[in-house]
């Protein structure tokens, strides 16, 4: 009981911290909060990067043509590939992603960008949109969920040992807490789960937006060979991403 209570107490502290971000607070409190999360040195380890109390600053810069190239396109003739017992079959066609956006013909295209995050500048990374239901819910907004591949153009690029970053808008969660705290509960129960940090994201498009504030994102650890190494001690293994209730 003591161990469970301590874990709940730790979660309560995280909950209170996130509430302090979301609820109105005084200007002086905001300055103190911002100062407490300044990272003058880049994180050395992934554990240092992925902390629920970390609010990093991320700045994306695109050339105008690359921004246009990243915009989602649609395929002809797309749609659910039949129906299962509990709804549409969300398995994508061969060579495509799985999920609602894929079966509806939405194609997310990688584009070149530069990214400055956690005190580190990456001059050339690959960025694309991501999401399924959340993609459609935030469609038309400048703030969209993003997948960032640091290794696409330079295999040696990493941030604290991580080569892939997922920026989630949390459009379906106004509190920005459901995903982060759920993963934390799983980890406390010794179930390997992604780690989460937060970032204030900004966007520059050459000849357009200049340091435009996009909003608060959660940065969710990617399930890949880095995750396998961190949790299972091996970089190789089968990774499955089920979609829908019919597995």
Protein backbone atom coordinates (compact mmCIF):
# COMPACT_ATOMS: atom_id res chain seq x y z
CA UNK A 1 0.00 0.00 0.00
CA UNK A 2 2.87 2.37 0.76
CA UNK A 3 4.35 1.88 -2.70
CA UNK A 4 1.01 2.49 -4.40
CA UNK A 5 0.45 5.59 -2.28
CA UNK A 6 3.87 6.97 -3.19
CA UNK A 7 3.22 6.45 -6.87
CA UNK A 8 -0.11 8.20 -6.60
CA UNK A 9 1.58 11.06 -4.75
CA UNK A 10 4.14 11.38 -7.54
CA UNK A 11 1.37 11.43 -10.13
CA UNK A 12 -0.43 14.07 -8.09
CA UNK A 13 2.64 16.28 -8.28
CA UNK A 14 2.80 15.83 -12.06
CA UNK A 15 -0.93 16.54 -12.30
CA UNK A 16 -0.52 19.74 -10.29
CA UNK A 17 2.38 20.83 -12.48
CA UNK A 18 0.40 20.36 -15.68
CA UNK A 19 -2.56 22.20 -14.18
CA UNK A 20 -0.25 25.12 -13.47
CA UNK A 21 0.49 25.30 -17.21
CA UNK A 22 -3.12 25.19 -18.32
CA UNK A 23 -4.96 27.25 -15.70
CA UNK A 24 -4.60 31.06 -15.57
CA UNK A 25 -1.69 32.14 -13.36
CA UNK A 26 -0.02 35.44 -12.64
CA UNK A 27 2.68 36.91 -14.85
CA UNK A 28 5.28 36.48 -12.11
CA UNK A 29 4.34 32.81 -11.69
CA UNK A 30 4.65 32.33 -15.44
CA UNK A 31 8.16 33.82 -15.36
CA UNK A 32 9.13 31.52 -12.50
CA UNK A 33 7.66 28.53 -14.33
CA UNK A 34 9.51 29.41 -17.51
CA UNK A 35 12.77 29.98 -15.65
CA UNK A 36 12.48 26.59 -13.93
CA UNK A 37 12.41 24.85 -17.31
CA UNK A 38 15.28 26.60 -19.09
CA UNK A 39 17.84 24.08 -20.34
CA UNK A 40 21.12 25.81 -21.12
CA UNK A 41 22.74 22.51 -22.07
CA UNK A 42 21.26 19.91 -24.44
CA UNK A 43 20.09 16.74 -22.68
CA UNK A 44 22.69 13.99 -22.74
CA UNK A 45 20.36 11.02 -22.25
CA UNK A 46 16.84 10.22 -23.37
CA UNK A 47 15.80 10.02 -19.71
CA UNK A 48 16.90 13.62 -19.26
CA UNK A 49 14.94 14.68 -22.33
CA UNK A 50 11.71 12.79 -21.62
CA UNK A 51 10.52 14.25 -18.32
CA UNK A 52 6.92 15.30 -17.66
CA UNK A 53 8.18 18.51 -16.10
CA UNK A 54 10.29 19.43 -19.15
CA UNK A 55 8.90 22.13 -21.43
CA UNK A 56 11.39 22.50 -24.25
CA UNK A 57 11.33 25.16 -26.95
CA UNK A 58 11.14 23.91 -30.55
CA UNK A 59 11.49 26.11 -33.64
CA UNK A 60 10.75 24.71 -37.12
CA UNK A 61 12.00 26.60 -40.18
CA UNK A 62 10.81 25.74 -43.71
CA UNK A 63 11.58 27.12 -47.12
CA UNK A 64 8.31 28.08 -48.79
CA UNK A 65 8.47 25.27 -51.38
CA UNK A 66 9.22 22.68 -48.71
CA UNK A 67 6.23 23.82 -46.66
CA UNK A 68 4.02 23.35 -49.72
CA UNK A 69 5.59 19.95 -50.39
CA UNK A 70 4.70 18.78 -46.88
CA UNK A 71 0.99 19.45 -47.24
CA UNK A 72 -1.09 16.30 -47.24
CA UNK A 73 -2.33 14.95 -50.57
CA UNK A 74 -5.14 12.54 -51.38
CA UNK A 75 -5.20 9.33 -53.39
CA UNK A 76 -8.02 8.41 -55.73
CA UNK A 77 -10.17 5.40 -55.01
CA UNK A 78 -9.32 5.20 -51.32
CA UNK A 79 -11.75 4.02 -48.66
CA UNK A 80 -12.23 1.33 -46.03
CA UNK A 81 -11.23 -2.11 -47.29
CA UNK A 82 -14.36 -3.85 -46.11
CA UNK A 83 -15.90 -4.03 -42.68
CA UNK A 84 -15.07 -6.01 -39.57
CA UNK A 85 -17.33 -7.05 -36.75
CA UNK A 86 -16.85 -3.73 -34.96
CA UNK A 87 -16.45 -1.25 -37.79
CA UNK A 88 -14.45 -0.48 -40.93
CA UNK A 89 -11.24 -2.28 -41.75
CA UNK A 90 -8.52 0.29 -41.12
CA UNK A 91 -5.69 -1.72 -42.66
CA UNK A 92 -4.10 0.39 -45.38
CA UNK A 93 -3.34 -0.83 -48.86
CA UNK A 94 0.06 -2.51 -49.42
CA UNK A 95 2.86 0.01 -49.11
CA UNK A 96 0.74 2.55 -47.21
CA UNK A 97 0.14 3.37 -43.57
CA UNK A 98 -2.66 1.85 -41.51
CA UNK A 99 -5.37 3.92 -39.86
CA UNK A 100 -8.31 6.15 -40.68
CA UNK A 101 -6.39 8.84 -42.56
CA UNK A 102 -4.63 6.28 -44.75
CA UNK A 103 -7.73 4.32 -45.75
CA UNK A 104 -9.42 7.62 -46.61
CA UNK A 105 -6.60 8.38 -49.02
CA UNK A 106 -4.63 10.94 -47.03
CA UNK A 107 -0.91 10.83 -47.79
CA UNK A 108 1.56 12.51 -45.43
CA UNK A 109 4.63 13.74 -47.30
CA UNK A 110 8.06 14.28 -45.76
CA UNK A 111 9.71 17.65 -46.38
CA UNK A 112 13.01 19.27 -45.45
CA UNK A 113 13.18 21.65 -42.50
CA UNK A 114 15.55 22.86 -39.85
CA UNK A 115 14.76 22.28 -36.21
CA UNK A 116 16.13 23.94 -33.12
CA UNK A 117 15.14 22.14 -29.94
CA UNK A 118 16.55 21.78 -26.43
CA UNK A 119 19.50 23.99 -27.28
CA UNK A 120 20.49 21.91 -30.31
CA UNK A 121 20.20 22.99 -33.94
CA UNK A 122 19.50 20.41 -36.64
CA UNK A 123 19.93 22.15 -40.02
CA UNK A 124 18.24 19.47 -42.13
CA UNK A 125 15.61 17.06 -40.82
CA UNK A 126 12.57 15.36 -42.35
CA UNK A 127 9.12 16.47 -41.13
CA UNK A 128 5.64 15.22 -41.99
CA UNK A 129 2.15 15.42 -40.55
CA UNK A 130 0.82 12.48 -38.53
CA UNK A 131 -2.40 11.27 -36.98
CA UNK A 132 -5.70 9.64 -37.86
CA UNK A 133 -8.78 10.91 -36.07
CA UNK A 134 -6.72 13.72 -34.60
CA UNK A 135 -5.64 14.72 -38.11
CA UNK A 136 -9.23 15.26 -39.19
CA UNK A 137 -10.14 17.03 -35.96
CA UNK A 138 -7.36 19.59 -36.44
CA UNK A 139 -7.67 19.81 -40.23
CA UNK A 140 -7.37 23.37 -41.45
CA UNK A 141 -5.39 24.53 -38.41
CA UNK A 142 -1.78 25.62 -38.55
CA UNK A 143 -1.07 23.51 -35.49
CA UNK A 144 -0.94 19.84 -36.54
CA UNK A 145 0.72 16.76 -35.09
CA UNK A 146 4.17 16.17 -36.59
CA UNK A 147 6.66 13.35 -36.98
CA UNK A 148 10.30 14.43 -37.16
CA UNK A 149 13.02 12.11 -38.48
CA UNK A 150 16.47 13.40 -37.52
CA UNK A 151 18.21 10.59 -39.46
CA UNK A 152 16.60 10.96 -42.88
CA UNK A 153 19.48 13.04 -44.32
CA UNK A 154 22.23 12.36 -41.78
CA UNK A 155 22.31 8.97 -40.08
CA UNK A 156 24.48 10.31 -37.26
CA UNK A 157 22.03 12.94 -36.04
CA UNK A 158 20.43 12.23 -32.68
CA UNK A 159 18.98 14.15 -29.79
CA UNK A 160 19.91 12.52 -26.49
CA UNK A 161 20.20 9.19 -28.31
CA UNK A 162 16.82 9.60 -30.05
CA UNK A 163 16.41 9.90 -33.82
CA UNK A 164 12.59 10.21 -34.16
CA UNK A 165 10.31 12.72 -32.41
CA UNK A 166 6.51 12.76 -32.30
CA UNK A 167 4.89 16.15 -31.68
CA UNK A 168 1.26 15.66 -30.62
CA UNK A 169 -1.25 18.50 -30.59
CA UNK A 170 -3.47 16.74 -28.02
CA UNK A 171 -6.44 18.19 -29.91
CA UNK A 172 -8.77 15.68 -28.28
CA UNK A 173 -7.49 16.43 -24.77
CA UNK A 174 -7.79 20.08 -23.66
CA UNK A 175 -5.83 19.28 -20.50
CA UNK A 176 -2.79 17.86 -22.36
CA UNK A 177 -2.57 15.19 -19.64
CA UNK A 178 -4.46 12.01 -20.63
CA UNK A 179 -1.77 10.51 -22.83
CA UNK A 180 1.17 11.50 -20.63
CA UNK A 181 -0.33 10.29 -17.36
CA UNK A 182 -1.68 7.09 -18.92
CA UNK A 183 1.76 6.16 -20.18
CA UNK A 184 3.22 7.00 -16.78
CA UNK A 185 0.71 4.68 -15.07
CA UNK A 186 1.72 1.88 -17.42
CA UNK A 187 5.40 2.43 -16.67
CA UNK A 188 4.70 2.48 -12.94
CA UNK A 189 3.04 -0.92 -13.45
CA UNK A 190 6.24 -2.12 -15.20
CA UNK A 191 4.64 -2.13 -18.65
CA UNK A 192 7.04 -0.65 -21.25
CA UNK A 193 5.41 2.53 -22.56
CA UNK A 194 6.51 5.72 -24.33
CA UNK A 195 7.93 8.57 -22.30
CA UNK A 196 6.63 12.11 -22.72
CA UNK A 197 7.93 15.65 -22.49
CA UNK A 198 6.41 18.96 -23.64
CA UNK A 199 7.47 21.71 -26.02
CA UNK A 200 6.41 25.22 -26.93
CA UNK A 201 6.61 25.13 -30.73
CA UNK A 202 7.29 27.97 -33.16
CA UNK A 203 7.14 28.07 -36.96
CA UNK A 204 9.05 30.10 -39.54
CA UNK A 205 8.30 29.87 -43.27
CA UNK A 206 10.72 31.87 -45.40
CA UNK A 207 8.80 34.74 -46.92
CA UNK A 208 5.82 34.05 -44.65
CA UNK A 209 5.47 33.33 -40.96
CA UNK A 210 8.27 34.56 -38.72
CA UNK A 211 8.63 32.72 -35.43
CA UNK A 212 4.87 32.12 -35.28
CA UNK A 213 3.82 30.48 -32.02
CA UNK A 214 1.99 27.22 -32.73
CA UNK A 215 1.21 26.26 -29.15
CA UNK A 216 2.03 23.62 -26.59
CA UNK A 217 2.80 20.12 -27.86
CA UNK A 218 3.51 16.86 -26.10
CA UNK A 219 6.60 15.08 -27.41
CA UNK A 220 5.98 11.33 -27.30
CA UNK A 221 8.75 8.75 -27.52
CA UNK A 222 8.69 6.78 -30.76
CA UNK A 223 8.24 2.99 -30.71
CA UNK A 224 11.29 1.88 -32.67
CA UNK A 225 14.68 0.21 -32.21
CA UNK A 226 15.70 2.89 -29.69
CA UNK A 227 12.63 2.00 -27.62
CA UNK A 228 13.49 -1.70 -27.86
CA UNK A 229 17.06 -1.03 -26.74
CA UNK A 230 15.90 1.13 -23.83
CA UNK A 231 13.30 -1.34 -22.58
CA UNK A 232 14.46 -4.77 -23.69
CA UNK A 233 18.19 -4.42 -24.21
CA UNK A 234 18.05 -5.30 -27.92
CA UNK A 235 17.60 -3.19 -31.05
CA UNK A 236 15.83 -5.90 -33.04
CA UNK A 237 12.39 -7.33 -32.54
CA UNK A 238 8.86 -7.46 -33.94
CA UNK A 239 6.90 -4.23 -33.49
CA UNK A 240 3.18 -4.25 -34.29
CA UNK A 241 0.77 -1.32 -34.47
CA UNK A 242 -2.81 -2.64 -34.32
CA UNK A 243 -5.58 -0.47 -35.71
CA UNK A 244 -9.21 -0.85 -34.74
CA UNK A 245 -10.78 -3.45 -32.43
CA UNK A 246 -10.41 -6.33 -34.93
CA UNK A 247 -6.82 -7.57 -34.60
